[in-house]
C-alpha atoms as a PDB file:
ATOM      1  CA  MET A   1      -0.085   0.057  -0.177  1.00  0.00           C
ATOM      2  CA  LEU A   2       3.144   2.154   1.051  1.00  0.00           C
ATOM      3  CA  GLY A   3       6.645   2.641   0.303  1.00  0.00           C
ATOM      4  CA  ARG A   4       9.198   1.122   2.284  1.00  0.00           C
ATOM      5  CA  VAL A   5       7.785   0.086   5.704  1.00  0.00           C
ATOM      6  CA  PHE A   6       9.792  -0.454   8.642  1.00  0.00           C
ATOM      7  CA  GLU A   7       8.149  -2.722  11.037  1.00  0.00           C
ATOM      8  CA  PHE A   8       8.156  -2.910  14.850  1.00  0.00           C
ATOM      9  CA  ASP A   9       6.818  -5.413  17.054  1.00  0.00           C
ATOM     10  CA  SER A  10       5.029  -2.631  19.788  1.00  0.00           C
ATOM     11  CA  PRO A  11       4.115   1.018  20.397  1.00  0.00           C
ATOM     12  CA  GLN A  12       6.809   0.835  23.168  1.00  0.00           C
ATOM     13  CA  GLU A  13       9.195   0.554  20.556  1.00  0.00           C
ATOM     14  CA  ILE A  14       8.150   3.807  18.775  1.00  0.00           C
ATOM     15  CA  ALA A  15       7.858   5.518  22.115  1.00  0.00           C
ATOM     16  CA  ALA A  16      11.260   4.383  23.045  1.00  0.00           C
ATOM     17  CA  GLY A  17      12.613   5.788  19.656  1.00  0.00           C
ATOM     18  CA  ALA A  18      12.886   3.012  17.108  1.00  0.00           C
ATOM     19  CA  SER A  19      10.407   4.970  14.610  1.00  0.00           C
ATOM     20  CA  ALA A  20       8.302   2.680  12.537  1.00  0.00           C
ATOM     21  CA  ILE A  21       8.605   5.330   9.732  1.00  0.00           C
ATOM     22  CA  ILE A  22       7.019   4.551   6.309  1.00  0.00           C
ATOM     23  CA  CYS A  23       8.791   6.928   4.417  1.00  0.00           C
ATOM     24  CA  ILE A  24       9.619   7.784   1.195  1.00  0.00           C
ATOM     25  CA  ASN A  25      13.201   9.280   0.596  1.00  0.00           C
ATOM     26  CA  SER A  26      13.538  10.743   4.292  1.00  0.00           C
ATOM     27  CA  HIS A  27      16.588  12.282   4.887  1.00  0.00           C
ATOM     28  CA  SER A  28      16.714  12.995   8.503  1.00  0.00           C
ATOM     29  CA  ARG A  29      20.266  13.058   9.996  1.00  0.00           C
ATOM     30  CA  HIS A  30      19.378  14.504  13.198  1.00  0.00           C
ATOM     31  CA  PRO A  31      21.507  12.738  16.571  1.00  0.00           C
ATOM     32  CA  PRO A  32      20.016   9.984  18.123  1.00  0.00           C
ATOM     33  CA  ALA A  33      17.496  11.494  19.873  1.00  0.00           C
ATOM     34  CA  CYS A  34      15.717  12.450  17.277  1.00  0.00           C
ATOM     35  CA  GLY A  35      13.650   9.279  16.615  1.00  0.00           C
ATOM     36  CA  SER A  36      14.807   9.283  12.853  1.00  0.00           C
ATOM     37  CA  VAL A  37      14.500   6.017  11.132  1.00  0.00           C
ATOM     38  CA  GLY A  38      16.942   3.329  12.516  1.00  0.00           C
ATOM     39  CA  CYS A  39      17.708   5.355  15.664  1.00  0.00           C
ATOM     40  CA  LEU A  40      17.958   3.814  18.817  1.00  0.00           C
ATOM     41  CA  SER A  41      18.053   5.925  21.808  1.00  0.00           C
ATOM     42  CA  ASP A  42      17.546   5.474  25.656  1.00  0.00           C
ATOM     43  CA  ALA A  43      13.951   5.147  26.806  1.00  0.00           C
ATOM     44  CA  SER A  44      14.507   7.734  29.709  1.00  0.00           C
ATOM     45  CA  GLN A  45      15.897  10.316  27.530  1.00  0.00           C
ATOM     46  CA  ARG A  46      13.069   9.669  24.776  1.00  0.00           C
ATOM     47  CA  ALA A  47      10.704  10.175  27.634  1.00  0.00           C
ATOM     48  CA  THR A  48      11.862  13.727  28.460  1.00  0.00           C
ATOM     49  CA  THR A  49      11.465  14.524  24.723  1.00  0.00           C
ATOM     50  CA  LEU A  50       8.218  15.978  22.745  1.00  0.00           C
ATOM     51  CA  GLY A  51       6.670  13.848  20.219  1.00  0.00           C
ATOM     52  CA  ILE A  52       3.824  11.930  18.705  1.00  0.00           C
ATOM     53  CA  PRO A  53       4.098   8.460  17.808  1.00  0.00           C
ATOM     54  CA  CYS A  54       1.331   6.803  15.936  1.00  0.00           C
ATOM     55  CA  TRP A  55       0.785   2.935  15.733  1.00  0.00           C
ATOM     56  CA  LYS A  56      -0.855   1.090  13.228  1.00  0.00           C
ATOM     57  CA  LEU A  57      -3.655   3.554  12.267  1.00  0.00           C
ATOM     58  CA  ALA A  58      -6.380   2.622  10.136  1.00  0.00           C
ATOM     59  CA  ALA A  59      -9.043   4.504   8.468  1.00  0.00           C
ATOM     60  CA  ARG A  60     -12.104   3.479   6.623  1.00  0.00           C
ATOM     61  CA  ARG A  61     -14.545   5.430   4.238  1.00  0.00           C
ATOM     62  CA  GLY A  62     -18.003   3.468   4.179  1.00  0.00           C
ATOM     63  CA  PHE A  63     -16.763  -0.109   3.078  1.00  0.00           C
ATOM     64  CA  ALA A  64     -13.626   0.946   1.954  1.00  0.00           C
ATOM     65  CA  THR A  65     -10.275   0.885   3.951  1.00  0.00           C
ATOM     66  CA  LEU A  66      -8.242   4.071   2.964  1.00  0.00           C
ATOM     67  CA  PHE A  67      -5.008   2.527   4.747  1.00  0.00           C
ATOM     68  CA  SER A  68      -4.112   0.545   7.668  1.00  0.00           C
ATOM     69  CA  GLY A  69      -1.067  -0.297   9.906  1.00  0.00           C
ATOM     70  CA  LEU A  70       0.142   3.154   9.278  1.00  0.00           C
ATOM     71  CA  SER A  71       3.024   3.166  11.968  1.00  0.00           C
ATOM     72  CA  PHE A  72       5.171   6.406  12.493  1.00  0.00           C
ATOM     73  CA  ARG A  73       6.840   9.263  14.941  1.00  0.00           C
ATOM     74  CA  VAL A  74       7.125  12.872  14.471  1.00  0.00           C
ATOM     75  CA  ASP A  75       9.600  14.605  16.507  1.00  0.00           C
ATOM     76  CA  GLU A  76      10.775  18.007  17.832  1.00  0.00           C
ATOM     77  CA  GLY A  77      12.103  19.721  15.002  1.00  0.00           C
ATOM     78  CA  GLU A  78      10.978  17.294  12.301  1.00  0.00           C
ATOM     79  CA  ALA A  79       8.281  17.450   9.531  1.00  0.00           C
ATOM     80  CA  LEU A  80       5.940  14.736   8.310  1.00  0.00           C
ATOM     81  CA  VAL A  81       4.970  14.999   4.788  1.00  0.00           C
ATOM     82  CA  VAL A  82       2.357  13.358   3.465  1.00  0.00           C
ATOM     83  CA  SER A  83       1.327  13.106   0.465  1.00  0.00           C
ATOM     84  CA  GLY A  84      -0.948  10.591  -2.346  1.00  0.00           C
ATOM     85  CA  ALA A  85      -3.587  10.859  -4.969  1.00  0.00           C
ATOM     86  CA  ASN A  86      -7.132  12.431  -4.355  1.00  0.00           C
ATOM     87  CA  GLY A  87      -9.250  10.048  -2.254  1.00  0.00           C
ATOM     88  CA  THR A  88      -6.038   8.119  -0.763  1.00  0.00           C
ATOM     89  CA  GLY A  89      -6.956   9.835   2.781  1.00  0.00           C
ATOM     90  CA  LYS A  90      -4.846  12.651   3.392  1.00  0.00           C
ATOM     91  CA  THR A  91      -6.955  14.803   4.838  1.00  0.00           C
ATOM     92  CA  THR A  92      -8.542  11.978   6.663  1.00  0.00           C
ATOM     93  CA  LEU A  93      -4.800  10.918   8.041  1.00  0.00           C
ATOM     94  CA  LEU A  94      -4.507  14.997   9.230  1.00  0.00           C
ATOM     95  CA  ARG A  95      -7.956  14.646  10.789  1.00  0.00           C
ATOM     96  CA  ILE A  96      -6.869  12.138  13.011  1.00  0.00           C
ATOM     97  CA  ILE A  97      -3.786  13.202  14.095  1.00  0.00           C
ATOM     98  CA  ALA A  98      -5.224  16.448  15.363  1.00  0.00           C
ATOM     99  CA  GLY A  99      -8.062  14.181  17.330  1.00  0.00           C
ATOM    100  CA  LEU A 100     -11.079  15.318  14.974  1.00  0.00           C
ATOM    101  CA  THR A 101     -11.434  11.893  13.700  1.00  0.00           C
ATOM    102  CA  THR A 102     -11.406   8.340  15.579  1.00  0.00           C
ATOM    103  CA  PRO A 103      -9.189   6.021  13.282  1.00  0.00           C
ATOM    104  CA  ALA A 104     -10.495   2.488  12.733  1.00  0.00           C
ATOM    105  CA  ALA A 105      -7.762   0.941  14.414  1.00  0.00           C
ATOM    106  CA  GLY A 106      -4.501   2.083  16.363  1.00  0.00           C
ATOM    107  CA  THR A 107      -3.251   4.935  18.590  1.00  0.00           C
ATOM    108  CA  LEU A 108      -1.580   7.998  18.555  1.00  0.00           C
ATOM    109  CA  THR A 109       0.119   9.497  21.858  1.00  0.00           C
ATOM    110  CA  TRP A 110       1.007  12.497  23.408  1.00  0.00           C
ATOM    111  CA  SER A 111       3.234  13.005  26.590  1.00  0.00           C
ATOM    112  CA  GLY A 112       2.909   9.059  27.141  1.00  0.00           C
ATOM    113  CA  GLU A 113      -0.863   9.439  27.135  1.00  0.00           C
ATOM    114  CA  VAL A 114      -3.389   8.019  24.380  1.00  0.00           C
ATOM    115  CA  VAL A 115      -5.104  10.869  22.483  1.00  0.00           C
ATOM    116  CA  LYS A 116      -8.803  10.863  22.441  1.00  0.00           C
ATOM    117  CA  PRO A 117     -10.952  12.624  19.621  1.00  0.00           C
ATOM    118  CA  LEU A 118     -11.433  15.886  20.643  1.00  0.00           C
ATOM    119  CA  ASP A 119      -9.246  15.921  23.478  1.00  0.00           C
ATOM    120  CA  PRO A 120      -9.474  19.392  25.110  1.00  0.00           C
ATOM    121  CA  ASP A 121      -5.808  19.199  26.738  1.00  0.00           C
ATOM    122  CA  PHE A 122      -4.347  18.201  23.161  1.00  0.00           C
ATOM    123  CA  ARG A 123      -6.240  20.661  21.391  1.00  0.00           C
ATOM    124  CA  ARG A 124      -4.110  23.458  23.282  1.00  0.00           C
ATOM    125  CA  VAL A 125      -1.043  21.888  21.904  1.00  0.00           C
ATOM    126  CA  ILE A 126      -1.674  21.732  18.430  1.00  0.00           C
ATOM    127  CA  ALA A 127      -2.531  24.439  15.222  1.00  0.00           C
ATOM    128  CA  TYR A 128      -5.102  23.091  12.898  1.00  0.00           C
ATOM    129  CA  ALA A 129      -5.643  24.422   9.513  1.00  0.00           C
ATOM    130  CA  GLY A 130      -7.699  22.843   6.764  1.00  0.00           C
ATOM    131  CA  HIS A 131      -7.544  23.007   2.707  1.00  0.00           C
ATOM    132  CA  LEU A 132      -9.884  26.072   3.513  1.00  0.00           C
ATOM    133  CA  PRO A 133      -9.273  29.724   4.661  1.00  0.00           C
ATOM    134  CA  ALA A 134     -12.193  29.638   7.084  1.00  0.00           C
ATOM    135  CA  LEU A 135     -12.670  33.393   7.017  1.00  0.00           C
ATOM    136  CA  LYS A 136     -16.042  35.591   7.031  1.00  0.00           C
ATOM    137  CA  ASP A 137     -16.443  37.908   4.080  1.00  0.00           C
ATOM    138  CA  GLU A 138     -17.973  40.480   6.164  1.00  0.00           C
ATOM    139  CA  LEU A 139     -14.757  40.752   8.543  1.00  0.00           C
ATOM    140  CA  THR A 140     -11.756  42.922   7.793  1.00  0.00           C
ATOM    141  CA  ALA A 141      -8.460  41.190   7.496  1.00  0.00           C
ATOM    142  CA  GLU A 142      -7.432  42.090  11.195  1.00  0.00           C
ATOM    143  CA  GLU A 143     -10.813  40.799  12.639  1.00  0.00           C
ATOM    144  CA  ASN A 144     -10.658  37.946  10.737  1.00  0.00           C
ATOM    145  CA  LEU A 145      -7.452  37.130  12.477  1.00  0.00           C
ATOM    146  CA  ALA A 146      -8.597  38.162  15.708  1.00  0.00           C
ATOM    147  CA  SER A 147     -11.552  35.972  15.655  1.00  0.00           C
ATOM    148  CA  LEU A 148      -9.482  32.589  14.152  1.00  0.00           C
ATOM    149  CA  LEU A 149      -7.293  33.246  17.218  1.00  0.00           C
ATOM    150  CA  MET A 150     -10.547  33.688  19.648  1.00  0.00           C
ATOM    151  CA  LEU A 151     -11.569  30.224  18.585  1.00  0.00           C
ATOM    152  CA  ASP A 152      -8.221  28.776  19.375  1.00  0.00           C
ATOM    153  CA  GLY A 153      -8.152  30.294  22.927  1.00  0.00           C
ATOM    154  CA  GLU A 154      -5.812  33.159  22.278  1.00  0.00           C
ATOM    155  CA  ALA A 155      -6.664  36.525  22.897  1.00  0.00           C
ATOM    156  CA  VAL A 156      -4.404  38.651  20.876  1.00  0.00           C
ATOM    157  CA  LYS A 157      -5.115  42.232  19.585  1.00  0.00           C
ATOM    158  CA  GLY A 158      -3.982  45.382  18.623  1.00  0.00           C
ATOM    159  CA  ASP A 159      -0.021  45.789  17.573  1.00  0.00           C
ATOM    160  CA  ALA A 160       0.477  41.971  18.101  1.00  0.00           C
ATOM    161  CA  LEU A 161      -2.433  41.589  15.043  1.00  0.00           C
ATOM    162  CA  ARG A 162      -0.766  44.114  13.121  1.00  0.00           C
ATOM    163  CA  SER A 163       3.111  42.657  13.289  1.00  0.00           C
ATOM    164  CA  ALA A 164       1.609  39.194  12.341  1.00  0.00           C
ATOM    165  CA  LEU A 165       0.015  40.826   9.147  1.00  0.00           C
ATOM    166  CA  ASP A 166       3.002  43.169   8.283  1.00  0.00           C
ATOM    167  CA  GLU A 167       4.973  39.566   8.716  1.00  0.00           C
ATOM    168  CA  VAL A 168       2.735  38.068   5.768  1.00  0.00           C
ATOM    169  CA  ALA A 169       2.688  41.312   3.869  1.00  0.00           C
ATOM    170  CA  LEU A 170      -0.718  42.123   5.016  1.00  0.00           C
ATOM    171  CA  VAL A 171      -0.693  44.774   7.121  1.00  0.00           C
ATOM    172  CA  ARG A 172      -1.780  47.533   4.087  1.00  0.00           C
ATOM    173  CA  GLN A 173      -4.658  45.319   3.324  1.00  0.00           C
ATOM    174  CA  ARG A 174      -5.789  44.622   7.471  1.00  0.00           C
ATOM    175  CA  MET A 175      -8.508  47.038   6.824  1.00  0.00           C
ATOM    176  CA  LEU A 176     -10.130  45.563   4.095  1.00  0.00           C
ATOM    177  CA  PRO A 177     -12.905  43.546   3.924  1.00  0.00           C
ATOM    178  CA  ALA A 178     -12.129  39.540   3.189  1.00  0.00           C
ATOM    179  CA  ARG A 179     -14.123  39.570  -0.034  1.00  0.00           C
ATOM    180  CA  VAL A 180     -12.046  42.180  -1.631  1.00  0.00           C
ATOM    181  CA  LEU A 181      -9.099  39.774  -1.071  1.00  0.00           C
ATOM    182  CA  SER A 182      -7.434  37.600  -3.374  1.00  0.00           C
ATOM    183  CA  GLN A 183      -7.528  33.973  -2.557  1.00  0.00           C
ATOM    184  CA  GLY A 184      -3.778  33.990  -2.016  1.00  0.00           C
ATOM    185  CA  GLN A 185      -4.193  36.919   0.764  1.00  0.00           C
ATOM    186  CA  ARG A 186      -6.896  35.136   2.396  1.00  0.00           C
ATOM    187  CA  ARG A 187      -4.344  32.148   3.010  1.00  0.00           C
ATOM    188  CA  ARG A 188      -1.827  34.656   3.973  1.00  0.00           C
ATOM    189  CA  ILE A 189      -4.455  35.561   6.985  1.00  0.00           C
ATOM    190  CA  GLY A 190      -4.059  31.857   8.161  1.00  0.00           C
ATOM    191  CA  LEU A 191      -0.611  32.121   7.784  1.00  0.00           C
ATOM    192  CA  ALA A 192      -0.684  35.472  10.069  1.00  0.00           C
ATOM    193  CA  ARG A 193      -2.456  33.439  12.620  1.00  0.00           C
ATOM    194  CA  LEU A 194       0.501  30.355  12.709  1.00  0.00           C
ATOM    195  CA  THR A 195       3.136  33.251  13.430  1.00  0.00           C
ATOM    196  CA  ILE A 196       1.384  34.089  16.197  1.00  0.00           C
ATOM    197  CA  MET A 197       0.026  30.866  18.202  1.00  0.00           C
ATOM    198  CA  PRO A 198       2.202  29.129  20.528  1.00  0.00           C
ATOM    199  CA  ARG A 199       1.221  25.570  19.706  1.00  0.00           C
ATOM    200  CA  PRO A 200       4.377  23.069  19.264  1.00  0.00           C
ATOM    201  CA  LEU A 201       1.958  20.914  16.683  1.00  0.00           C
ATOM    202  CA  TRP A 202       1.134  22.231  13.315  1.00  0.00           C
ATOM    203  CA  ILE A 203      -1.255  20.264  10.932  1.00  0.00           C
ATOM    204  CA  LEU A 204      -1.784  21.801   7.639  1.00  0.00           C
ATOM    205  CA  ASP A 205      -3.670  20.428   4.825  1.00  0.00           C
ATOM    206  CA  GLU A 206      -2.574  21.338   1.530  1.00  0.00           C
ATOM    207  CA  PRO A 207      -0.730  25.190   2.979  1.00  0.00           C
ATOM    208  CA  THR A 208       0.719  26.212  -0.900  1.00  0.00           C
ATOM    209  CA  THR A 209      -3.374  25.955  -2.221  1.00  0.00           C
ATOM    210  CA  ALA A 210      -3.606  29.718  -3.875  1.00  0.00           C
ATOM    211  CA  LEU A 211      -0.091  31.059  -3.016  1.00  0.00           C
ATOM    212  CA  ASP A 212       2.367  32.407  -5.186  1.00  0.00           C
ATOM    213  CA  ALA A 213       5.684  32.046  -5.285  1.00  0.00           C
ATOM    214  CA  SER A 214       6.518  34.808  -2.725  1.00  0.00           C
ATOM    215  CA  GLY A 215       3.850  33.164  -0.513  1.00  0.00           C
ATOM    216  CA  ILE A 216       5.406  29.737  -0.639  1.00  0.00           C
ATOM    217  CA  GLY A 217       8.589  31.114  -0.105  1.00  0.00           C
ATOM    218  CA  LEU A 218       7.263  33.073   3.116  1.00  0.00           C
ATOM    219  CA  LEU A 219       5.203  29.934   4.236  1.00  0.00           C
ATOM    220  CA  GLY A 220       8.864  27.948   3.877  1.00  0.00           C
ATOM    221  CA  ARG A 221      10.265  30.410   6.247  1.00  0.00           C
ATOM    222  CA  VAL A 222       7.726  30.163   8.433  1.00  0.00           C
ATOM    223  CA  LEU A 223       7.724  26.758   8.636  1.00  0.00           C
ATOM    224  CA  GLY A 224      11.265  26.708   9.219  1.00  0.00           C
ATOM    225  CA  ARG A 225      11.519  28.850  12.003  1.00  0.00           C
ATOM    226  CA  HIS A 226       9.046  27.009  13.610  1.00  0.00           C
ATOM    227  CA  LEU A 227      10.612  23.601  13.049  1.00  0.00           C
ATOM    228  CA  ALA A 228      14.244  25.274  14.558  1.00  0.00           C
ATOM    229  CA  GLY A 229      12.541  26.532  17.630  1.00  0.00           C
ATOM    230  CA  GLY A 230      11.526  22.583  18.273  1.00  0.00           C
ATOM    231  CA  GLY A 231       8.263  22.650  17.173  1.00  0.00           C
ATOM    232  CA  MET A 232       6.760  19.697  14.719  1.00  0.00           C
ATOM    233  CA  LEU A 233       4.590  19.977  11.803  1.00  0.00           C
ATOM    234  CA  VAL A 234       2.538  17.283   9.795  1.00  0.00           C
ATOM    235  CA  ALA A 235       1.719  18.441   6.462  1.00  0.00           C
ATOM    236  CA  ALA A 236      -0.358  17.223   3.338  1.00  0.00           C
ATOM    237  CA  THR A 237       0.826  18.586   0.369  1.00  0.00           C
ATOM    238  CA  HIS A 238       2.563  17.615  -3.348  1.00  0.00           C
ATOM    239  CA  ALA A 239       4.251  21.117  -3.302  1.00  0.00           C
ATOM    240  CA  ALA A 240       8.017  21.709  -2.088  1.00  0.00           C
ATOM    241  CA  LEU A 241       7.755  23.449   1.099  1.00  0.00           C
ATOM    242  CA  GLY A 242      11.304  24.731   0.751  1.00  0.00           C
ATOM    243  CA  LEU A 243      12.425  22.862   4.462  1.00  0.00           C
ATOM    244  CA  PRO A 244      15.837  21.255   5.308  1.00  0.00           C
ATOM    245  CA  PRO A 245      15.905  17.946   3.735  1.00  0.00           C
ATOM    246  CA  ALA A 246      17.212  16.662   7.246  1.00  0.00           C
ATOM    247  CA  ARG A 247      13.951  17.720   8.752  1.00  0.00           C
ATOM    248  CA  VAL A 248      11.745  16.105   6.554  1.00  0.00           C
ATOM    249  CA  LYS A 249       9.994  12.571   6.691  1.00  0.00           C
ATOM    250  CA  SER A 250       7.553  11.509   4.609  1.00  0.00           C
ATOM    251  CA  VAL A 251       4.678   9.262   4.013  1.00  0.00           C
ATOM    252  CA  ALA A 252       2.880   8.601   0.836  1.00  0.00           C
ATOM    253  CA  LEU A 253      -0.548   6.812   0.768  1.00  0.00           C
ATOM    254  CA  SER A 254      -1.700   5.184  -2.337  1.00  0.00           C
END
């Protein structure tokens, strides 16, 4: 079903650092504590490191199996890029990792605890962005950004909002209603949201959609800074994100 599969006997092996990464062209070369493919590390050292191990995940749509037996781990400073044809379950996998959809089988854990769907504690450590920008046309760019952050439980106002919009080249359009913005500019509001959210795990569905070359470059810089600061990323995309190859793991669904 997928590319090369690295098999391990238990979820404890993944938690201890022997990552059962199902990967295509993984270039991860972190030190042994990173959890890269084939990397074994001391369990006590691993226990102090944030990461999200997923063990034998499966998903179904109706009577059809989208994927099964999918095991991997994403650690601090790492990105997992999910690819695959339409209908292979990329969005479903992202929603499972985000705790928004229940897997047909398998588990994922955070801080040693199994993540349950809609777990409020887990929701506070992730930033999830679907493939649509989720904006209100009648609100301005700044008002939409404030609204998105409020829904995430982040009360941010004034200078911080303007600074975030400036970082994504939207400060001049901050008082314009979203309905007059281009699709790329609307996507940049979501990117501004990421720059201001102190969440370690970002889960992004097709983040390059509608972005021009400068927007994709900006996205790459924002994601790179997040990983360099110890953050984690799971993204479904077919486009290059401009991330250092050493930080990227891959899963190809088919």
